[in-house]
Amino acid sequence: MINTLKRKHYIIGGIVLLLLITNPSRNSFASFLHKTGLSNIGRDYNFLICSVYSQKEKDKYGDLNGKTYYLGIAGNFINITRD
């Protein structure tokens, strides 16, 4: 009983540690978007195991009016913007 409990804690701790190590940075988000400057992108929330990033969007006139949100987890980015 105690060995299985310890084993579960080690597995959960390993998963959390892996997510902590692979939490993507702002520079990796910029390279994901193929951008060189960091002016239109930002990290809105950092939860240590995942982060929420945003990119300001331009309309047809060149004005910044909207944002696209991405979830960064395990070195990957997922678009989470609602349409």
N, C-alpha and C. Protein backbone atom coordinates (compact mmCIF):
# COMPACT_ATOMS: atom_id res chain seq x y z
N MET A 1 0.83 -1.20 0.00
CA MET A 1 0.00 0.00 0.00
C MET A 1 0.87 1.26 0.00
N ILE A 2 1.87 1.29 0.87
CA ILE A 2 2.73 2.47 0.97
C ILE A 2 3.60 2.60 -0.27
N ASN A 3 4.07 1.48 -0.83
CA ASN A 3 4.90 1.55 -2.02
C ASN A 3 4.11 2.08 -3.22
N THR A 4 2.84 1.68 -3.36
CA THR A 4 2.04 2.19 -4.48
C THR A 4 1.75 3.68 -4.30
N LEU A 5 1.58 4.12 -3.06
CA LEU A 5 1.34 5.54 -2.81
C LEU A 5 2.59 6.35 -3.15
N LYS A 6 3.75 5.88 -2.77
CA LYS A 6 4.98 6.58 -3.11
C LYS A 6 5.21 6.59 -4.61
N ARG A 7 4.90 5.50 -5.27
CA ARG A 7 5.08 5.41 -6.72
C ARG A 7 4.19 6.43 -7.43
N LYS A 8 2.96 6.58 -6.97
CA LYS A 8 2.04 7.56 -7.57
C LYS A 8 2.56 8.98 -7.37
N HIS A 9 3.11 9.26 -6.18
CA HIS A 9 3.66 10.59 -5.93
C HIS A 9 4.86 10.87 -6.82
N TYR A 10 5.70 9.88 -7.02
CA TYR A 10 6.85 10.07 -7.92
C TYR A 10 6.41 10.31 -9.36
N ILE A 11 5.38 9.60 -9.80
CA ILE A 11 4.89 9.78 -11.17
C ILE A 11 4.28 11.17 -11.33
N ILE A 12 3.45 11.58 -10.39
CA ILE A 12 2.84 12.92 -10.46
C ILE A 12 3.91 14.00 -10.36
N GLY A 13 4.87 13.83 -9.46
CA GLY A 13 5.96 14.79 -9.33
C GLY A 13 6.80 14.87 -10.59
N GLY A 14 7.03 13.74 -11.25
CA GLY A 14 7.78 13.73 -12.50
C GLY A 14 7.06 14.46 -13.62
N ILE A 15 5.75 14.28 -13.68
CA ILE A 15 4.95 14.95 -14.71
C ILE A 15 4.97 16.47 -14.47
N VAL A 16 4.80 16.89 -13.22
CA VAL A 16 4.82 18.32 -12.91
C VAL A 16 6.20 18.91 -13.20
N LEU A 17 7.26 18.19 -12.85
CA LEU A 17 8.61 18.66 -13.13
C LEU A 17 8.86 18.79 -14.63
N LEU A 18 8.37 17.83 -15.41
CA LEU A 18 8.51 17.90 -16.86
C LEU A 18 7.78 19.12 -17.43
N LEU A 19 6.58 19.39 -16.93
CA LEU A 19 5.84 20.57 -17.40
C LEU A 19 6.52 21.87 -16.96
N LEU A 20 7.13 21.90 -15.78
CA LEU A 20 7.87 23.09 -15.34
C LEU A 20 9.06 23.36 -16.25
N ILE A 21 9.76 22.31 -16.62
CA ILE A 21 10.96 22.48 -17.46
C ILE A 21 10.59 22.89 -18.87
N THR A 22 9.49 22.38 -19.39
CA THR A 22 9.13 22.63 -20.79
C THR A 22 8.15 23.79 -20.97
N ASN A 23 7.92 24.60 -19.93
CA ASN A 23 7.06 25.78 -20.06
C ASN A 23 7.74 26.75 -21.04
N PRO A 24 7.10 27.04 -22.19
CA PRO A 24 7.77 27.85 -23.21
C PRO A 24 7.94 29.31 -22.79
N SER A 25 8.99 29.92 -23.33
CA SER A 25 9.29 31.32 -23.04
C SER A 25 8.67 32.23 -24.10
N ARG A 26 8.79 33.52 -23.86
CA ARG A 26 8.26 34.51 -24.81
C ARG A 26 9.03 34.46 -26.13
N ASN A 27 10.33 34.19 -26.07
CA ASN A 27 11.13 34.09 -27.30
C ASN A 27 10.73 32.87 -28.13
N SER A 28 10.41 31.77 -27.47
CA SER A 28 9.96 30.60 -28.24
C SER A 28 8.59 30.85 -28.85
N PHE A 29 7.75 31.65 -28.19
CA PHE A 29 6.47 32.02 -28.78
C PHE A 29 6.68 32.89 -30.01
N ALA A 30 7.65 33.82 -29.95
CA ALA A 30 7.95 34.67 -31.11
C ALA A 30 8.47 33.83 -32.27
N SER A 31 9.29 32.84 -31.99
CA SER A 31 9.79 31.99 -33.08
C SER A 31 8.68 31.10 -33.63
N PHE A 32 7.71 30.72 -32.78
CA PHE A 32 6.55 29.95 -33.25
C PHE A 32 5.73 30.77 -34.25
N LEU A 33 5.62 32.07 -33.99
CA LEU A 33 4.85 32.96 -34.87
C LEU A 33 5.69 33.48 -36.04
N HIS A 34 6.96 33.11 -36.10
CA HIS A 34 7.90 33.58 -37.12
C HIS A 34 8.03 35.11 -37.08
N LYS A 35 8.12 35.66 -35.87
CA LYS A 35 8.30 37.09 -35.66
C LYS A 35 9.70 37.34 -35.12
N THR A 36 10.27 38.47 -35.48
CA THR A 36 11.58 38.83 -34.95
C THR A 36 11.46 39.78 -33.78
N GLY A 37 10.48 40.66 -33.79
CA GLY A 37 10.29 41.61 -32.68
C GLY A 37 9.29 41.08 -31.67
N LEU A 38 9.40 41.58 -30.45
CA LEU A 38 8.51 41.14 -29.38
C LEU A 38 7.47 42.20 -29.02
N SER A 39 7.24 43.16 -29.92
CA SER A 39 6.38 44.28 -29.57
C SER A 39 4.89 43.93 -29.57
N ASN A 40 4.44 43.04 -30.44
CA ASN A 40 3.01 42.74 -30.53
C ASN A 40 2.62 41.48 -29.80
N ILE A 41 3.54 40.87 -29.06
CA ILE A 41 3.21 39.64 -28.36
C ILE A 41 3.55 39.79 -26.89
N GLY A 42 2.89 38.99 -26.06
CA GLY A 42 3.17 39.07 -24.63
C GLY A 42 2.66 37.84 -23.91
N ARG A 43 3.20 37.64 -22.71
CA ARG A 43 2.73 36.56 -21.85
C ARG A 43 1.74 37.18 -20.88
N ASP A 44 0.48 36.80 -20.98
CA ASP A 44 -0.55 37.37 -20.11
C ASP A 44 -0.58 36.70 -18.74
N TYR A 45 -0.46 35.38 -18.72
CA TYR A 45 -0.49 34.63 -17.47
C TYR A 45 0.60 33.58 -17.48
N ASN A 46 1.25 33.40 -16.34
CA ASN A 46 2.26 32.36 -16.19
C ASN A 46 1.85 31.49 -15.00
N PHE A 47 1.46 30.25 -15.28
CA PHE A 47 1.04 29.33 -14.23
C PHE A 47 2.13 28.33 -13.87
N LEU A 48 3.37 28.58 -14.28
CA LEU A 48 4.56 27.78 -14.05
C LEU A 48 4.57 26.46 -14.83
N ILE A 49 3.44 25.78 -14.97
CA ILE A 49 3.43 24.57 -15.79
C ILE A 49 2.86 24.83 -17.17
N CYS A 50 2.21 25.97 -17.34
CA CYS A 50 1.72 26.41 -18.65
C CYS A 50 1.59 27.93 -18.60
N SER A 51 1.50 28.54 -19.78
CA SER A 51 1.39 30.00 -19.88
C SER A 51 0.36 30.36 -20.94
N VAL A 52 -0.23 31.54 -20.79
CA VAL A 52 -1.16 32.06 -21.78
C VAL A 52 -0.49 33.25 -22.44
N TYR A 53 -0.35 33.18 -23.76
CA TYR A 53 0.28 34.23 -24.56
C TYR A 53 -0.77 34.90 -25.43
N SER A 54 -0.49 36.15 -25.81
CA SER A 54 -1.40 36.85 -26.71
C SER A 54 -0.60 37.54 -27.80
N GLN A 55 -1.26 37.68 -28.95
CA GLN A 55 -0.69 38.40 -30.08
C GLN A 55 -1.71 39.44 -30.51
N LYS A 56 -1.26 40.68 -30.58
CA LYS A 56 -2.15 41.75 -31.04
C LYS A 56 -2.30 41.64 -32.54
N GLU A 57 -3.54 41.76 -33.01
CA GLU A 57 -3.83 41.64 -34.44
C GLU A 57 -4.13 43.01 -35.03
N LYS A 58 -3.79 43.14 -36.29
CA LYS A 58 -4.08 44.37 -37.02
C LYS A 58 -5.29 44.15 -37.90
N ASP A 59 -6.11 45.20 -38.02
CA ASP A 59 -7.22 45.12 -38.96
C ASP A 59 -6.75 45.56 -40.34
N LYS A 60 -7.67 45.70 -41.27
CA LYS A 60 -7.27 46.02 -42.65
C LYS A 60 -6.69 47.43 -42.79
N TYR A 61 -6.88 48.28 -41.79
CA TYR A 61 -6.33 49.63 -41.83
C TYR A 61 -4.99 49.72 -41.10
N GLY A 62 -4.55 48.66 -40.49
CA GLY A 62 -3.28 48.65 -39.79
C GLY A 62 -3.37 49.00 -38.32
N ASP A 63 -4.61 49.13 -37.80
CA ASP A 63 -4.78 49.45 -36.38
C ASP A 63 -4.77 48.16 -35.56
N LEU A 64 -4.18 48.23 -34.37
CA LEU A 64 -4.19 47.08 -33.46
C LEU A 64 -5.49 47.10 -32.69
N ASN A 65 -6.35 46.11 -32.92
CA ASN A 65 -7.66 46.15 -32.28
C ASN A 65 -8.07 44.85 -31.60
N GLY A 66 -7.46 43.74 -31.89
CA GLY A 66 -7.87 42.48 -31.30
C GLY A 66 -6.68 41.68 -30.83
N LYS A 67 -6.96 40.60 -30.13
CA LYS A 67 -5.90 39.72 -29.66
C LYS A 67 -6.24 38.27 -29.98
N THR A 68 -5.21 37.52 -30.27
CA THR A 68 -5.33 36.08 -30.42
C THR A 68 -4.58 35.45 -29.26
N TYR A 69 -5.23 34.51 -28.57
CA TYR A 69 -4.64 33.91 -27.38
C TYR A 69 -4.16 32.50 -27.67
N TYR A 70 -3.02 32.14 -27.08
CA TYR A 70 -2.43 30.82 -27.24
C TYR A 70 -2.08 30.26 -25.86
N LEU A 71 -2.27 28.96 -25.70
CA LEU A 71 -1.84 28.26 -24.50
C LEU A 71 -0.51 27.61 -24.79
N GLY A 72 0.50 27.94 -24.01
CA GLY A 72 1.82 27.34 -24.16
C GLY A 72 2.03 26.28 -23.10
N ILE A 73 2.14 25.03 -23.52
CA ILE A 73 2.32 23.93 -22.58
C ILE A 73 3.20 22.87 -23.23
N ALA A 74 4.15 22.36 -22.46
CA ALA A 74 5.07 21.30 -22.90
C ALA A 74 5.79 21.69 -24.20
N GLY A 75 6.14 22.96 -24.35
CA GLY A 75 6.89 23.42 -25.51
C GLY A 75 6.04 23.62 -26.75
N ASN A 76 4.73 23.49 -26.66
CA ASN A 76 3.82 23.64 -27.79
C ASN A 76 2.86 24.79 -27.54
N PHE A 77 2.24 25.27 -28.61
CA PHE A 77 1.30 26.37 -28.51
C PHE A 77 -0.02 25.95 -29.16
N ILE A 78 -1.11 26.24 -28.46
CA ILE A 78 -2.46 25.88 -28.92
C ILE A 78 -3.28 27.16 -28.96
N ASN A 79 -3.92 27.43 -30.10
CA ASN A 79 -4.77 28.61 -30.23
C ASN A 79 -6.03 28.38 -29.41
N ILE A 80 -6.31 29.27 -28.45
CA ILE A 80 -7.48 29.13 -27.59
C ILE A 80 -8.44 30.30 -27.74
N THR A 81 -8.31 31.07 -28.80
CA THR A 81 -9.19 32.21 -29.04
C THR A 81 -10.55 31.71 -29.49
N ARG A 82 -11.58 32.27 -28.88
CA ARG A 82 -12.93 31.91 -29.29
C ARG A 82 -13.35 32.78 -30.48
N ASP A 83 -13.99 32.18 -31.44
CA ASP A 83 -14.44 32.92 -32.63
C ASP A 83 -15.77 33.55 -32.43
